[in-house]
């Protein structure tokens, strides 16, 4: 296996205290410019939680999040709505009715998308 070094950065990590959470390490790192995430899960009902934060940014970042082609968060601007360096959890119930699992699409409407983490829990 060959691993190539790259100068491209898709992650950011900070050492600031994150407001609104006791889980600083979870929010101190994030993927920037994420487009899609997929969970191969069976049929059922799931609780999905998006762990979000706006870290060390000068520019405005606005994004939409869709789950299985249905927009569940629209025009979210973390810095404007919650402030910088604040952990934000957004929780939803998702029903998987086929064998396609869960596909999450992140779309930047301004700036870049960002994600600190995703929690997924099967309810039934």
PDB file of N, CA and C in Angstrom:
ATOM      1  N   UNK A   1       0.837  -1.166   0.000  1.00  0.00           N
ATOM      2  CA  UNK A   1       0.000   0.000   0.000  1.00  0.00           C
ATOM      3  C   UNK A   1       0.886   1.235   0.000  1.00  0.00           C
ATOM      4  N   UNK A   2       0.580   2.170  -0.864  1.00  0.00           N
ATOM      5  CA  UNK A   2       1.334   3.407  -0.979  1.00  0.00           C
ATOM      6  C   UNK A   2       0.489   4.548  -0.425  1.00  0.00           C
ATOM      7  N   UNK A   3       1.054   5.319   0.453  1.00  0.00           N
ATOM      8  CA  UNK A   3       0.367   6.480   1.004  1.00  0.00           C
ATOM      9  C   UNK A   3       1.085   7.713   0.508  1.00  0.00           C
ATOM     10  N   UNK A   4       0.350   8.575  -0.172  1.00  0.00           N
ATOM     11  CA  UNK A   4       0.929   9.806  -0.688  1.00  0.00           C
ATOM     12  C   UNK A   4       0.684  10.941   0.293  1.00  0.00           C
ATOM     13  N   UNK A   5       1.717  11.735   0.502  1.00  0.00           N
ATOM     14  CA  UNK A   5       1.555  12.933   1.303  1.00  0.00           C
ATOM     15  C   UNK A   5       0.872  13.996   0.461  1.00  0.00           C
ATOM     16  N   UNK A   6       0.085  14.809   1.100  1.00  0.00           N
ATOM     17  CA  UNK A   6      -0.597  15.876   0.399  1.00  0.00           C
ATOM     18  C   UNK A   6      -0.538  17.150   1.232  1.00  0.00           C
ATOM     19  N   UNK A   7      -0.590  18.263   0.557  1.00  0.00           N
ATOM     20  CA  UNK A   7      -0.614  19.537   1.276  1.00  0.00           C
ATOM     21  C   UNK A   7      -2.042  19.999   1.496  1.00  0.00           C
ATOM     22  N   UNK A   8      -2.996  19.285   0.946  1.00  0.00           N
ATOM     23  CA  UNK A   8      -4.398  19.633   1.086  1.00  0.00           C
ATOM     24  C   UNK A   8      -4.881  19.307   2.498  1.00  0.00           C
ATOM     25  N   UNK A   9      -5.594  20.267   3.124  1.00  0.00           N
ATOM     26  CA  UNK A   9      -6.123  20.056   4.469  1.00  0.00           C
ATOM     27  C   UNK A   9      -7.635  19.961   4.417  1.00  0.00           C
ATOM     28  N   UNK A  10      -8.157  18.838   4.866  1.00  0.00           N
ATOM     29  CA  UNK A  10      -9.602  18.661   4.956  1.00  0.00           C
ATOM     30  C   UNK A  10     -10.058  18.680   6.409  1.00  0.00           C
ATOM     31  N   UNK A  11      -9.140  18.713   7.313  1.00  0.00           N
ATOM     32  CA  UNK A  11      -9.465  18.682   8.733  1.00  0.00           C
ATOM     33  C   UNK A  11      -8.958  19.944   9.394  1.00  0.00           C
ATOM     34  N   UNK A  12      -9.576  20.282  10.504  1.00  0.00           N
ATOM     35  CA  UNK A  12      -9.076  21.377  11.317  1.00  0.00           C
ATOM     36  C   UNK A  12      -9.145  20.930  12.762  1.00  0.00           C
ATOM     37  N   UNK A  13      -8.167  21.309  13.535  1.00  0.00           N
ATOM     38  CA  UNK A  13      -8.155  21.024  14.953  1.00  0.00           C
ATOM     39  C   UNK A  13      -7.735  22.270  15.706  1.00  0.00           C
ATOM     40  N   UNK A  14      -8.391  22.525  16.809  1.00  0.00           N
ATOM     41  CA  UNK A  14      -8.083  23.692  17.621  1.00  0.00           C
ATOM     42  C   UNK A  14      -7.956  23.267  19.074  1.00  0.00           C
ATOM     43  N   UNK A  15      -7.366  24.140  19.880  1.00  0.00           N
ATOM     44  CA  UNK A  15      -7.236  23.828  21.300  1.00  0.00           C
ATOM     45  C   UNK A  15      -8.062  24.780  22.166  1.00  0.00           C
ATOM     46  N   UNK A  16      -9.043  25.442  21.578  1.00  0.00           N
ATOM     47  CA  UNK A  16      -9.887  26.362  22.339  1.00  0.00           C
ATOM     48  C   UNK A  16     -10.932  25.590  23.138  1.00  0.00           C
ATOM     49  N   UNK A  17     -11.414  26.217  24.189  1.00  0.00           N
ATOM     50  CA  UNK A  17     -12.509  25.640  24.960  1.00  0.00           C
ATOM     51  C   UNK A  17     -13.800  25.835  24.167  1.00  0.00           C
ATOM     52  N   UNK A  18     -14.536  24.757  23.990  1.00  0.00           N
ATOM     53  CA  UNK A  18     -15.775  24.801  23.213  1.00  0.00           C
ATOM     54  C   UNK A  18     -16.940  25.081  24.151  1.00  0.00           C
ATOM     55  N   UNK A  19     -17.679  26.131  23.850  1.00  0.00           N
ATOM     56  CA  UNK A  19     -18.830  26.507  24.671  1.00  0.00           C
ATOM     57  C   UNK A  19     -19.982  25.529  24.448  1.00  0.00           C
ATOM     58  N   UNK A  20     -20.785  25.317  25.478  1.00  0.00           N
ATOM     59  CA  UNK A  20     -21.991  24.524  25.348  1.00  0.00           C
ATOM     60  C   UNK A  20     -21.803  23.028  25.418  1.00  0.00           C
ATOM     61  N   UNK A  21     -20.612  22.560  25.795  1.00  0.00           N
ATOM     62  CA  UNK A  21     -20.375  21.121  25.892  1.00  0.00           C
ATOM     63  C   UNK A  21     -19.244  20.841  26.876  1.00  0.00           C
ATOM     64  N   UNK A  22     -19.259  19.645  27.413  1.00  0.00           N
ATOM     65  CA  UNK A  22     -18.137  19.173  28.225  1.00  0.00           C
ATOM     66  C   UNK A  22     -17.259  18.232  27.414  1.00  0.00           C
ATOM     67  N   UNK A  23     -17.624  17.992  26.158  1.00  0.00           N
ATOM     68  CA  UNK A  23     -16.884  17.089  25.275  1.00  0.00           C
ATOM     69  C   UNK A  23     -16.039  17.877  24.285  1.00  0.00           C
ATOM     70  N   UNK A  24     -15.186  18.749  24.793  1.00  0.00           N
ATOM     71  CA  UNK A  24     -14.365  19.592  23.926  1.00  0.00           C
ATOM     72  C   UNK A  24     -13.670  18.829  22.800  1.00  0.00           C
ATOM     73  N   UNK A  25     -13.001  17.691  23.062  1.00  0.00           N
ATOM     74  CA  UNK A  25     -12.252  17.026  21.989  1.00  0.00           C
ATOM     75  C   UNK A  25     -13.100  16.659  20.769  1.00  0.00           C
ATOM     76  N   UNK A  26     -14.368  16.319  20.993  1.00  0.00           N
ATOM     77  CA  UNK A  26     -15.235  15.953  19.879  1.00  0.00           C
ATOM     78  C   UNK A  26     -15.423  17.139  18.941  1.00  0.00           C
ATOM     79  N   UNK A  27     -15.560  18.329  19.496  1.00  0.00           N
ATOM     80  CA  UNK A  27     -15.838  19.518  18.698  1.00  0.00           C
ATOM     81  C   UNK A  27     -14.572  20.271  18.277  1.00  0.00           C
ATOM     82  N   UNK A  28     -13.434  19.927  18.853  1.00  0.00           N
ATOM     83  CA  UNK A  28     -12.186  20.621  18.531  1.00  0.00           C
ATOM     84  C   UNK A  28     -11.580  20.164  17.204  1.00  0.00           C
ATOM     85  N   UNK A  29     -12.137  19.122  16.623  1.00  0.00           N
ATOM     86  CA  UNK A  29     -11.699  18.673  15.299  1.00  0.00           C
ATOM     87  C   UNK A  29     -12.920  18.573  14.401  1.00  0.00           C
ATOM     88  N   UNK A  30     -12.690  18.701  13.102  1.00  0.00           N
ATOM     89  CA  UNK A  30     -13.807  18.591  12.174  1.00  0.00           C
ATOM     90  C   UNK A  30     -13.325  18.345  10.759  1.00  0.00           C
ATOM     91  N   UNK A  31     -14.240  17.789   9.982  1.00  0.00           N
ATOM     92  CA  UNK A  31     -14.026  17.638   8.543  1.00  0.00           C
ATOM     93  C   UNK A  31     -14.554  18.898   7.881  1.00  0.00           C
ATOM     94  N   UNK A  32     -13.771  19.459   6.996  1.00  0.00           N
ATOM     95  CA  UNK A  32     -14.175  20.645   6.258  1.00  0.00           C
ATOM     96  C   UNK A  32     -14.310  20.261   4.791  1.00  0.00           C
ATOM     97  N   UNK A  33     -15.403  20.691   4.171  1.00  0.00           N
ATOM     98  CA  UNK A  33     -15.629  20.371   2.768  1.00  0.00           C
ATOM     99  C   UNK A  33     -16.197  18.980   2.557  1.00  0.00           C
ATOM    100  N   UNK A  34     -16.814  18.409   3.583  1.00  0.00           N
ATOM    101  CA  UNK A  34     -17.413  17.076   3.454  1.00  0.00           C
ATOM    102  C   UNK A  34     -18.635  17.172   2.542  1.00  0.00           C
ATOM    103  N   UNK A  35     -18.784  16.203   1.650  1.00  0.00           N
ATOM    104  CA  UNK A  35     -19.901  16.184   0.706  1.00  0.00           C
ATOM    105  C   UNK A  35     -20.968  15.157   1.066  1.00  0.00           C
ATOM    106  N   UNK A  36     -20.515  13.970   1.498  1.00  0.00           N
ATOM    107  CA  UNK A  36     -21.472  12.896   1.737  1.00  0.00           C
ATOM    108  C   UNK A  36     -20.926  11.896   2.740  1.00  0.00           C
ATOM    109  N   UNK A  37     -21.856  11.263   3.468  1.00  0.00           N
ATOM    110  CA  UNK A  37     -21.509  10.192   4.393  1.00  0.00           C
ATOM    111  C   UNK A  37     -22.583   9.130   4.252  1.00  0.00           C
ATOM    112  N   UNK A  38     -22.193   7.864   4.321  1.00  0.00           N
ATOM    113  CA  UNK A  38     -23.145   6.769   4.120  1.00  0.00           C
ATOM    114  C   UNK A  38     -23.034   5.756   5.244  1.00  0.00           C
ATOM    115  N   UNK A  39     -24.195   5.350   5.766  1.00  0.00           N
ATOM    116  CA  UNK A  39     -24.281   4.260   6.741  1.00  0.00           C
ATOM    117  C   UNK A  39     -25.002   3.098   6.071  1.00  0.00           C
ATOM    118  N   UNK A  40     -24.361   1.949   6.001  1.00  0.00           N
ATOM    119  CA  UNK A  40     -25.000   0.736   5.482  1.00  0.00           C
ATOM    120  C   UNK A  40     -25.683   0.049   6.653  1.00  0.00           C
ATOM    121  N   UNK A  41     -26.963   0.359   6.834  1.00  0.00           N
ATOM    122  CA  UNK A  41     -27.725  -0.160   7.966  1.00  0.00           C
ATOM    123  C   UNK A  41     -28.998  -0.832   7.464  1.00  0.00           C
ATOM    124  N   UNK A  42     -29.548  -1.781   8.244  1.00  0.00           N
ATOM    125  CA  UNK A  42     -30.798  -2.423   7.838  1.00  0.00           C
ATOM    126  C   UNK A  42     -32.008  -1.520   8.094  1.00  0.00           C
ATOM    127  N   UNK A  43     -33.164  -1.981   7.632  1.00  0.00           N
ATOM    128  CA  UNK A  43     -34.412  -1.262   7.860  1.00  0.00           C
ATOM    129  C   UNK A  43     -34.614  -1.023   9.346  1.00  0.00           C
ATOM    130  N   UNK A  44     -35.268   0.089   9.674  1.00  0.00           N
ATOM    131  CA  UNK A  44     -35.545   0.397  11.070  1.00  0.00           C
ATOM    132  C   UNK A  44     -35.612   1.892  11.297  1.00  0.00           C
ATOM    133  N   UNK A  45     -35.783   2.246  12.554  1.00  0.00           N
ATOM    134  CA  UNK A  45     -35.824   3.649  12.953  1.00  0.00           C
ATOM    135  C   UNK A  45     -34.535   3.971  13.698  1.00  0.00           C
ATOM    136  N   UNK A  46     -33.933   5.095  13.344  1.00  0.00           N
ATOM    137  CA  UNK A  46     -32.654   5.497  13.893  1.00  0.00           C
ATOM    138  C   UNK A  46     -32.715   6.925  14.426  1.00  0.00           C
ATOM    139  N   UNK A  47     -31.968   7.151  15.474  1.00  0.00           N
ATOM    140  CA  UNK A  47     -31.742   8.509  15.955  1.00  0.00           C
ATOM    141  C   UNK A  47     -30.379   8.928  15.448  1.00  0.00           C
ATOM    142  N   UNK A  48     -30.350  10.031  14.716  1.00  0.00           N
ATOM    143  CA  UNK A  48     -29.086  10.534  14.179  1.00  0.00           C
ATOM    144  C   UNK A  48     -28.843  11.910  14.768  1.00  0.00           C
ATOM    145  N   UNK A  49     -27.629  12.130  15.262  1.00  0.00           N
ATOM    146  CA  UNK A  49     -27.256  13.411  15.853  1.00  0.00           C
ATOM    147  C   UNK A  49     -26.035  13.944  15.130  1.00  0.00           C
ATOM    148  N   UNK A  50     -26.152  15.170  14.648  1.00  0.00           N
ATOM    149  CA  UNK A  50     -25.031  15.850  14.007  1.00  0.00           C
ATOM    150  C   UNK A  50     -24.344  16.714  15.046  1.00  0.00           C
ATOM    151  N   UNK A  51     -23.034  16.571  15.182  1.00  0.00           N
ATOM    152  CA  UNK A  51     -22.227  17.351  16.110  1.00  0.00           C
ATOM    153  C   UNK A  51     -21.504  18.407  15.287  1.00  0.00           C
ATOM    154  N   UNK A  52     -21.851  19.658  15.519  1.00  0.00           N
ATOM    155  CA  UNK A  52     -21.401  20.755  14.668  1.00  0.00           C
ATOM    156  C   UNK A  52     -20.746  21.854  15.487  1.00  0.00           C
ATOM    157  N   UNK A  53     -19.806  22.563  14.883  1.00  0.00           N
ATOM    158  CA  UNK A  53     -19.172  23.734  15.502  1.00  0.00           C
ATOM    159  C   UNK A  53     -18.529  24.567  14.407  1.00  0.00           C
ATOM    160  N   UNK A  54     -18.466  25.841  14.639  1.00  0.00           N
ATOM    161  CA  UNK A  54     -17.774  26.765  13.723  1.00  0.00           C
ATOM    162  C   UNK A  54     -16.480  27.161  14.414  1.00  0.00           C
ATOM    163  N   UNK A  55     -15.359  26.700  13.891  1.00  0.00           N
ATOM    164  CA  UNK A  55     -14.063  26.914  14.523  1.00  0.00           C
ATOM    165  C   UNK A  55     -13.161  27.797  13.675  1.00  0.00           C
ATOM    166  N   UNK A  56     -12.568  28.780  14.285  1.00  0.00           N
ATOM    167  CA  UNK A  56     -11.515  29.601  13.661  1.00  0.00           C
ATOM    168  C   UNK A  56     -11.794  29.964  12.212  1.00  0.00           C
ATOM    169  N   UNK A  57     -12.900  30.606  11.959  1.00  0.00           N
ATOM    170  CA  UNK A  57     -13.204  30.988  10.591  1.00  0.00           C
ATOM    171  C   UNK A  57     -13.358  32.494  10.480  1.00  0.00           C
ATOM    172  N   UNK A  58     -12.942  33.004   9.351  1.00  0.00           N
ATOM    173  CA  UNK A  58     -13.127  34.427   9.056  1.00  0.00           C
ATOM    174  C   UNK A  58     -14.330  34.613   8.145  1.00  0.00           C
ATOM    175  N   UNK A  59     -14.518  33.648   7.264  1.00  0.00           N
ATOM    176  CA  UNK A  59     -15.591  33.738   6.277  1.00  0.00           C
ATOM    177  C   UNK A  59     -16.879  33.125   6.808  1.00  0.00           C
ATOM    178  N   UNK A  60     -17.968  33.494   6.167  1.00  0.00           N
ATOM    179  CA  UNK A  60     -19.267  32.945   6.527  1.00  0.00           C
ATOM    180  C   UNK A  60     -19.449  31.588   5.859  1.00  0.00           C
ATOM    181  N   UNK A  61     -19.952  30.620   6.619  1.00  0.00           N
ATOM    182  CA  UNK A  61     -20.221  29.286   6.105  1.00  0.00           C
ATOM    183  C   UNK A  61     -21.686  28.952   6.347  1.00  0.00           C
ATOM    184  N   UNK A  62     -22.372  28.619   5.276  1.00  0.00           N
ATOM    185  CA  UNK A  62     -23.790  28.276   5.343  1.00  0.00           C
ATOM    186  C   UNK A  62     -23.965  26.956   4.605  1.00  0.00           C
ATOM    187  N   UNK A  63     -24.736  26.024   5.197  1.00  0.00           N
ATOM    188  CA  UNK A  63     -24.894  24.727   4.546  1.00  0.00           C
ATOM    189  C   UNK A  63     -26.277  24.149   4.768  1.00  0.00           C
ATOM    190  N   UNK A  64     -26.602  23.182   3.912  1.00  0.00           N
ATOM    191  CA  UNK A  64     -27.802  22.375   4.032  1.00  0.00           C
ATOM    192  C   UNK A  64     -27.351  20.945   4.301  1.00  0.00           C
ATOM    193  N   UNK A  65     -28.169  20.211   5.054  1.00  0.00           N
ATOM    194  CA  UNK A  65     -27.913  18.794   5.283  1.00  0.00           C
ATOM    195  C   UNK A  65     -29.174  18.031   4.897  1.00  0.00           C
ATOM    196  N   UNK A  66     -29.010  17.012   4.045  1.00  0.00           N
ATOM    197  CA  UNK A  66     -30.121  16.167   3.618  1.00  0.00           C
ATOM    198  C   UNK A  66     -29.823  14.727   4.007  1.00  0.00           C
ATOM    199  N   UNK A  67     -30.861  14.014   4.426  1.00  0.00           N
ATOM    200  CA  UNK A  67     -30.750  12.598   4.734  1.00  0.00           C
ATOM    201  C   UNK A  67     -31.693  11.847   3.798  1.00  0.00           C
ATOM    202  N   UNK A  68     -31.128  10.909   3.057  1.00  0.00           N
ATOM    203  CA  UNK A  68     -31.893  10.141   2.067  1.00  0.00           C
ATOM    204  C   UNK A  68     -32.723  11.061   1.173  1.00  0.00           C
ATOM    205  N   UNK A  69     -32.060  12.079   0.656  1.00  0.00           N
ATOM    206  CA  UNK A  69     -32.629  13.046  -0.296  1.00  0.00           C
ATOM    207  C   UNK A  69     -33.693  13.963   0.294  1.00  0.00           C
ATOM    208  N   UNK A  70     -33.820  14.017   1.615  1.00  0.00           N
ATOM    209  CA  UNK A  70     -34.771  14.922   2.252  1.00  0.00           C
ATOM    210  C   UNK A  70     -33.979  15.926   3.095  1.00  0.00           C
ATOM    211  N   UNK A  71     -34.122  17.221   2.774  1.00  0.00           N
ATOM    212  CA  UNK A  71     -33.399  18.254   3.519  1.00  0.00           C
ATOM    213  C   UNK A  71     -33.954  18.339   4.938  1.00  0.00           C
ATOM    214  N   UNK A  72     -33.052  18.189   5.919  1.00  0.00           N
ATOM    215  CA  UNK A  72     -33.484  18.260   7.318  1.00  0.00           C
ATOM    216  C   UNK A  72     -32.935  19.506   8.014  1.00  0.00           C
ATOM    217  N   UNK A  73     -31.865  20.071   7.493  1.00  0.00           N
ATOM    218  CA  UNK A  73     -31.328  21.343   7.980  1.00  0.00           C
ATOM    219  C   UNK A  73     -31.062  22.224   6.768  1.00  0.00           C
ATOM    220  N   UNK A  74     -31.634  23.411   6.781  1.00  0.00           N
ATOM    221  CA  UNK A  74     -31.503  24.298   5.639  1.00  0.00           C
ATOM    222  C   UNK A  74     -30.903  25.628   6.074  1.00  0.00           C
ATOM    223  N   UNK A  75     -29.936  26.099   5.306  1.00  0.00           N
ATOM    224  CA  UNK A  75     -29.287  27.391   5.562  1.00  0.00           C
ATOM    225  C   UNK A  75     -28.762  27.532   6.983  1.00  0.00           C
ATOM    226  N   UNK A  76     -28.118  26.478   7.485  1.00  0.00           N
ATOM    227  CA  UNK A  76     -27.559  26.561   8.832  1.00  0.00           C
ATOM    228  C   UNK A  76     -26.251  27.351   8.777  1.00  0.00           C
ATOM    229  N   UNK A  77     -26.200  28.397   9.579  1.00  0.00           N
ATOM    230  CA  UNK A  77     -25.038  29.276   9.692  1.00  0.00           C
ATOM    231  C   UNK A  77     -24.642  29.259  11.161  1.00  0.00           C
ATOM    232  N   UNK A  78     -23.758  28.338  11.512  1.00  0.00           N
ATOM    233  CA  UNK A  78     -23.415  28.110  12.916  1.00  0.00           C
ATOM    234  C   UNK A  78     -22.884  29.359  13.609  1.00  0.00           C
ATOM    235  N   UNK A  79     -22.004  30.072  12.936  1.00  0.00           N
ATOM    236  CA  UNK A  79     -21.391  31.252  13.540  1.00  0.00           C
ATOM    237  C   UNK A  79     -22.443  32.336  13.828  1.00  0.00           C
ATOM    238  N   UNK A  80     -23.324  32.554  12.886  1.00  0.00           N
ATOM    239  CA  UNK A  80     -24.345  33.590  13.042  1.00  0.00           C
ATOM    240  C   UNK A  80     -25.436  33.165  14.037  1.00  0.00           C
ATOM    241  N   UNK A  81     -25.854  31.898  13.975  1.00  0.00           N
ATOM    242  CA  UNK A  81     -26.959  31.432  14.794  1.00  0.00           C
ATOM    243  C   UNK A  81     -26.548  31.063  16.225  1.00  0.00           C
ATOM    244  N   UNK A  82     -25.308  30.589  16.413  1.00  0.00           N
ATOM    245  CA  UNK A  82     -24.893  30.096  17.729  1.00  0.00           C
ATOM    246  C   UNK A  82     -23.620  30.745  18.255  1.00  0.00           C
ATOM    247  N   UNK A  83     -22.837  31.353  17.386  1.00  0.00           N
ATOM    248  CA  UNK A  83     -21.571  31.948  17.776  1.00  0.00           C
ATOM    249  C   UNK A  83     -20.408  31.019  17.488  1.00  0.00           C
ATOM    250  N   UNK A  84     -19.214  31.595  17.485  1.00  0.00           N
ATOM    251  CA  UNK A  84     -18.006  30.809  17.204  1.00  0.00           C
ATOM    252  C   UNK A  84     -17.632  29.940  18.396  1.00  0.00           C
ATOM    253  N   UNK A  85     -16.974  28.842  18.104  1.00  0.00           N
ATOM    254  CA  UNK A  85     -16.440  27.933  19.124  1.00  0.00           C
ATOM    255  C   UNK A  85     -17.517  27.420  20.081  1.00  0.00           C
ATOM    256  N   UNK A  86     -18.697  27.123  19.550  1.00  0.00           N
ATOM    257  CA  UNK A  86     -19.800  26.569  20.341  1.00  0.00           C
ATOM    258  C   UNK A  86     -20.218  25.235  19.740  1.00  0.00           C
ATOM    259  N   UNK A  87     -20.324  24.221  20.590  1.00  0.00           N
ATOM    260  CA  UNK A  87     -20.795  22.916  20.146  1.00  0.00           C
ATOM    261  C   UNK A  87     -22.301  22.927  19.982  1.00  0.00           C
ATOM    262  N   UNK A  88     -22.764  22.408  18.854  1.00  0.00           N
ATOM    263  CA  UNK A  88     -24.192  22.368  18.556  1.00  0.00           C
ATOM    264  C   UNK A  88     -24.560  20.940  18.166  1.00  0.00           C
ATOM    265  N   UNK A  89     -25.579  20.388  18.819  1.00  0.00           N
ATOM    266  CA  UNK A  89     -26.100  19.064  18.478  1.00  0.00           C
ATOM    267  C   UNK A  89     -27.455  19.234  17.822  1.00  0.00           C
ATOM    268  N   UNK A  90     -27.636  18.578  16.688  1.00  0.00           N
ATOM    269  CA  UNK A  90     -28.923  18.578  15.992  1.00  0.00           C
ATOM    270  C   UNK A  90     -29.351  17.120  15.852  1.00  0.00           C
ATOM    271  N   UNK A  91     -30.483  16.764  16.483  1.00  0.00           N
ATOM    272  CA  UNK A  91     -30.930  15.368  16.568  1.00  0.00           C
ATOM    273  C   UNK A  91     -32.213  15.171  15.755  1.00  0.00           C
ATOM    274  N   UNK A  92     -32.280  14.028  15.034  1.00  0.00           N
ATOM    275  CA  UNK A  92     -33.429  13.712  14.189  1.00  0.00           C
ATOM    276  C   UNK A  92     -33.728  12.221  14.258  1.00  0.00           C
ATOM    277  N   UNK A  93     -34.980  11.865  13.998  1.00  0.00           N
ATOM    278  CA  UNK A  93     -35.374  10.473  13.837  1.00  0.00           C
ATOM    279  C   UNK A  93     -35.458  10.188  12.344  1.00  0.00           C
ATOM    280  N   UNK A  94     -34.873   9.077  11.924  1.00  0.00           N
ATOM    281  CA  UNK A  94     -34.818   8.693  10.517  1.00  0.00           C
ATOM    282  C   UNK A  94     -35.375   7.280  10.383  1.00  0.00           C
ATOM    283  N   UNK A  95     -36.268   7.080   9.428  1.00  0.00           N
ATOM    284  CA  UNK A  95     -36.779   5.744   9.132  1.00  0.00           C
ATOM    285  C   UNK A  95     -36.128   5.228   7.864  1.00  0.00           C
ATOM    286  N   UNK A  96     -35.559   4.047   7.956  1.00  0.00           N
ATOM    287  CA  UNK A  96     -34.980   3.384   6.784  1.00  0.00           C
ATOM    288  C   UNK A  96     -35.990   2.322   6.367  1.00  0.00           C
ATOM    289  N   UNK A  97     -36.548   2.461   5.152  1.00  0.00           N
ATOM    290  CA  UNK A  97     -37.620   1.577   4.702  1.00  0.00           C
ATOM    291  C   UNK A  97     -37.187   0.650   3.567  1.00  0.00           C
ATOM    292  N   UNK A  98     -35.923   0.747   3.152  1.00  0.00           N
ATOM    293  CA  UNK A  98     -35.429  -0.110   2.079  1.00  0.00           C
ATOM    294  C   UNK A  98     -34.030  -0.599   2.438  1.00  0.00           C
ATOM    295  N   UNK A  99     -33.371  -1.190   1.498  1.00  0.00           N
ATOM    296  CA  UNK A  99     -32.030  -1.748   1.746  1.00  0.00           C
ATOM    297  C   UNK A  99     -30.915  -0.769   1.402  1.00  0.00           C
ATOM    298  N   UNK A 100     -31.240   0.514   1.218  1.00  0.00           N
ATOM    299  CA  UNK A 100     -30.238   1.502   0.809  1.00  0.00           C
ATOM    300  C   UNK A 100     -29.549   2.204   1.969  1.00  0.00           C
ATOM    301  N   UNK A 101     -29.944   1.925   3.197  1.00  0.00           N
ATOM    302  CA  UNK A 101     -29.280   2.519   4.352  1.00  0.00           C
ATOM    303  C   UNK A 101     -29.558   3.995   4.498  1.00  0.00           C
ATOM    304  N   UNK A 102     -28.582   4.715   5.022  1.00  0.00           N
ATOM    305  CA  UNK A 102     -28.711   6.149   5.276  1.00  0.00           C
ATOM    306  C   UNK A 102     -27.601   6.871   4.518  1.00  0.00           C
ATOM    307  N   UNK A 103     -27.999   7.801   3.653  1.00  0.00           N
ATOM    308  CA  UNK A 103     -27.049   8.637   2.933  1.00  0.00           C
ATOM    309  C   UNK A 103     -27.259  10.075   3.364  1.00  0.00           C
ATOM    310  N   UNK A 104     -26.187  10.708   3.807  1.00  0.00           N
ATOM    311  CA  UNK A 104     -26.244  12.095   4.268  1.00  0.00           C
ATOM    312  C   UNK A 104     -25.468  12.949   3.273  1.00  0.00           C
ATOM    313  N   UNK A 105     -26.139  13.974   2.760  1.00  0.00           N
ATOM    314  CA  UNK A 105     -25.507  14.902   1.825  1.00  0.00           C
ATOM    315  C   UNK A 105     -25.331  16.255   2.494  1.00  0.00           C
ATOM    316  N   UNK A 106     -24.134  16.806   2.354  1.00  0.00           N
ATOM    317  CA  UNK A 106     -23.799  18.126   2.886  1.00  0.00           C
ATOM    318  C   UNK A 106     -23.585  19.050   1.700  1.00  0.00           C
ATOM    319  N   UNK A 107     -24.302  20.169   1.665  1.00  0.00           N
ATOM    320  CA  UNK A 107     -24.177  21.093   0.550  1.00  0.00           C
ATOM    321  C   UNK A 107     -23.909  22.494   1.083  1.00  0.00           C
ATOM    322  N   UNK A 108     -22.783  23.063   0.676  1.00  0.00           N
ATOM    323  CA  UNK A 108     -22.461  24.434   1.064  1.00  0.00           C
ATOM    324  C   UNK A 108     -23.232  25.385   0.163  1.00  0.00           C
ATOM    325  N   UNK A 109     -23.972  26.305   0.766  1.00  0.00           N
ATOM    326  CA  UNK A 109     -24.613  27.356  -0.021  1.00  0.00           C
ATOM    327  C   UNK A 109     -23.754  28.610   0.002  1.00  0.00           C
ATOM    328  N   UNK A 110     -22.831  28.656   0.969  1.00  0.00           N
ATOM    329  CA  UNK A 110     -21.841  29.729   1.052  1.00  0.00           C
ATOM    330  C   UNK A 110     -20.669  29.197   1.878  1.00  0.00           C
ATOM    331  N   UNK A 111     -19.457  29.420   1.430  1.00  0.00           N
ATOM    332  CA  UNK A 111     -18.287  28.931   2.166  1.00  0.00           C
ATOM    333  C   UNK A 111     -18.132  27.426   2.027  1.00  0.00           C
ATOM    334  N   UNK A 112     -17.860  26.761   3.153  1.00  0.00           N
ATOM    335  CA  UNK A 112     -17.598  25.322   3.151  1.00  0.00           C
ATOM    336  C   UNK A 112     -18.444  24.612   4.197  1.00  0.00           C
ATOM    337  N   UNK A 113     -18.696  23.329   3.932  1.00  0.00           N
ATOM    338  CA  UNK A 113     -19.389  22.491   4.914  1.00  0.00           C
ATOM    339  C   UNK A 113     -18.408  22.108   6.010  1.00  0.00           C
ATOM    340  N   UNK A 114     -18.948  21.759   7.172  1.00  0.00           N
ATOM    341  CA  UNK A 114     -18.094  21.311   8.277  1.00  0.00           C
ATOM    342  C   UNK A 114     -18.877  20.382   9.186  1.00  0.00           C
ATOM    343  N   UNK A 115     -18.185  19.396   9.721  1.00  0.00           N
ATOM    344  CA  UNK A 115     -18.810  18.393  10.579  1.00  0.00           C
ATOM    345  C   UNK A 115     -17.807  17.918  11.623  1.00  0.00           C
ATOM    346  N   UNK A 116     -18.223  17.963  12.888  1.00  0.00           N
ATOM    347  CA  UNK A 116     -17.367  17.463  13.966  1.00  0.00           C
ATOM    348  C   UNK A 116     -17.617  15.985  14.240  1.00  0.00           C
ATOM    349  N   UNK A 117     -18.855  15.543  14.079  1.00  0.00           N
ATOM    350  CA  UNK A 117     -19.147  14.134  14.325  1.00  0.00           C
ATOM    351  C   UNK A 117     -20.589  13.796  14.031  1.00  0.00           C
ATOM    352  N   UNK A 118     -20.852  12.490  13.966  1.00  0.00           N
ATOM    353  CA  UNK A 118     -22.205  11.973  13.789  1.00  0.00           C
ATOM    354  C   UNK A 118     -22.387  10.834  14.787  1.00  0.00           C
ATOM    355  N   UNK A 119     -23.523  10.848  15.488  1.00  0.00           N
ATOM    356  CA  UNK A 119     -23.888   9.730  16.352  1.00  0.00           C
ATOM    357  C   UNK A 119     -25.110   9.073  15.725  1.00  0.00           C
ATOM    358  N   UNK A 120     -25.087   7.763  15.650  1.00  0.00           N
ATOM    359  CA  UNK A 120     -26.207   7.015  15.083  1.00  0.00           C
ATOM    360  C   UNK A 120     -26.589   5.910  16.064  1.00  0.00           C
ATOM    361  N   UNK A 121     -27.890   5.845  16.372  1.00  0.00           N
ATOM    362  CA  UNK A 121     -28.381   4.834  17.327  1.00  0.00           C
ATOM    363  C   UNK A 121     -29.644   4.208  16.774  1.00  0.00           C
ATOM    364  N   UNK A 122     -29.669   2.881  16.715  1.00  0.00           N
ATOM    365  CA  UNK A 122     -30.854   2.166  16.234  1.00  0.00           C
ATOM    366  C   UNK A 122     -31.872   2.097  17.361  1.00  0.00           C
ATOM    367  N   UNK A 123     -33.103   2.517  17.044  1.00  0.00           N
ATOM    368  CA  UNK A 123     -34.175   2.500  18.046  1.00  0.00           C
ATOM    369  C   UNK A 123     -35.017   1.244  17.946  1.00  0.00           C
ATOM    370  N   UNK A 124     -35.294   0.786  16.713  1.00  0.00           N
ATOM    371  CA  UNK A 124     -36.034  -0.481  16.538  1.00  0.00           C
ATOM    372  C   UNK A 124     -35.779  -1.036  15.156  1.00  0.00           C
TER     373      UNK A 124
END
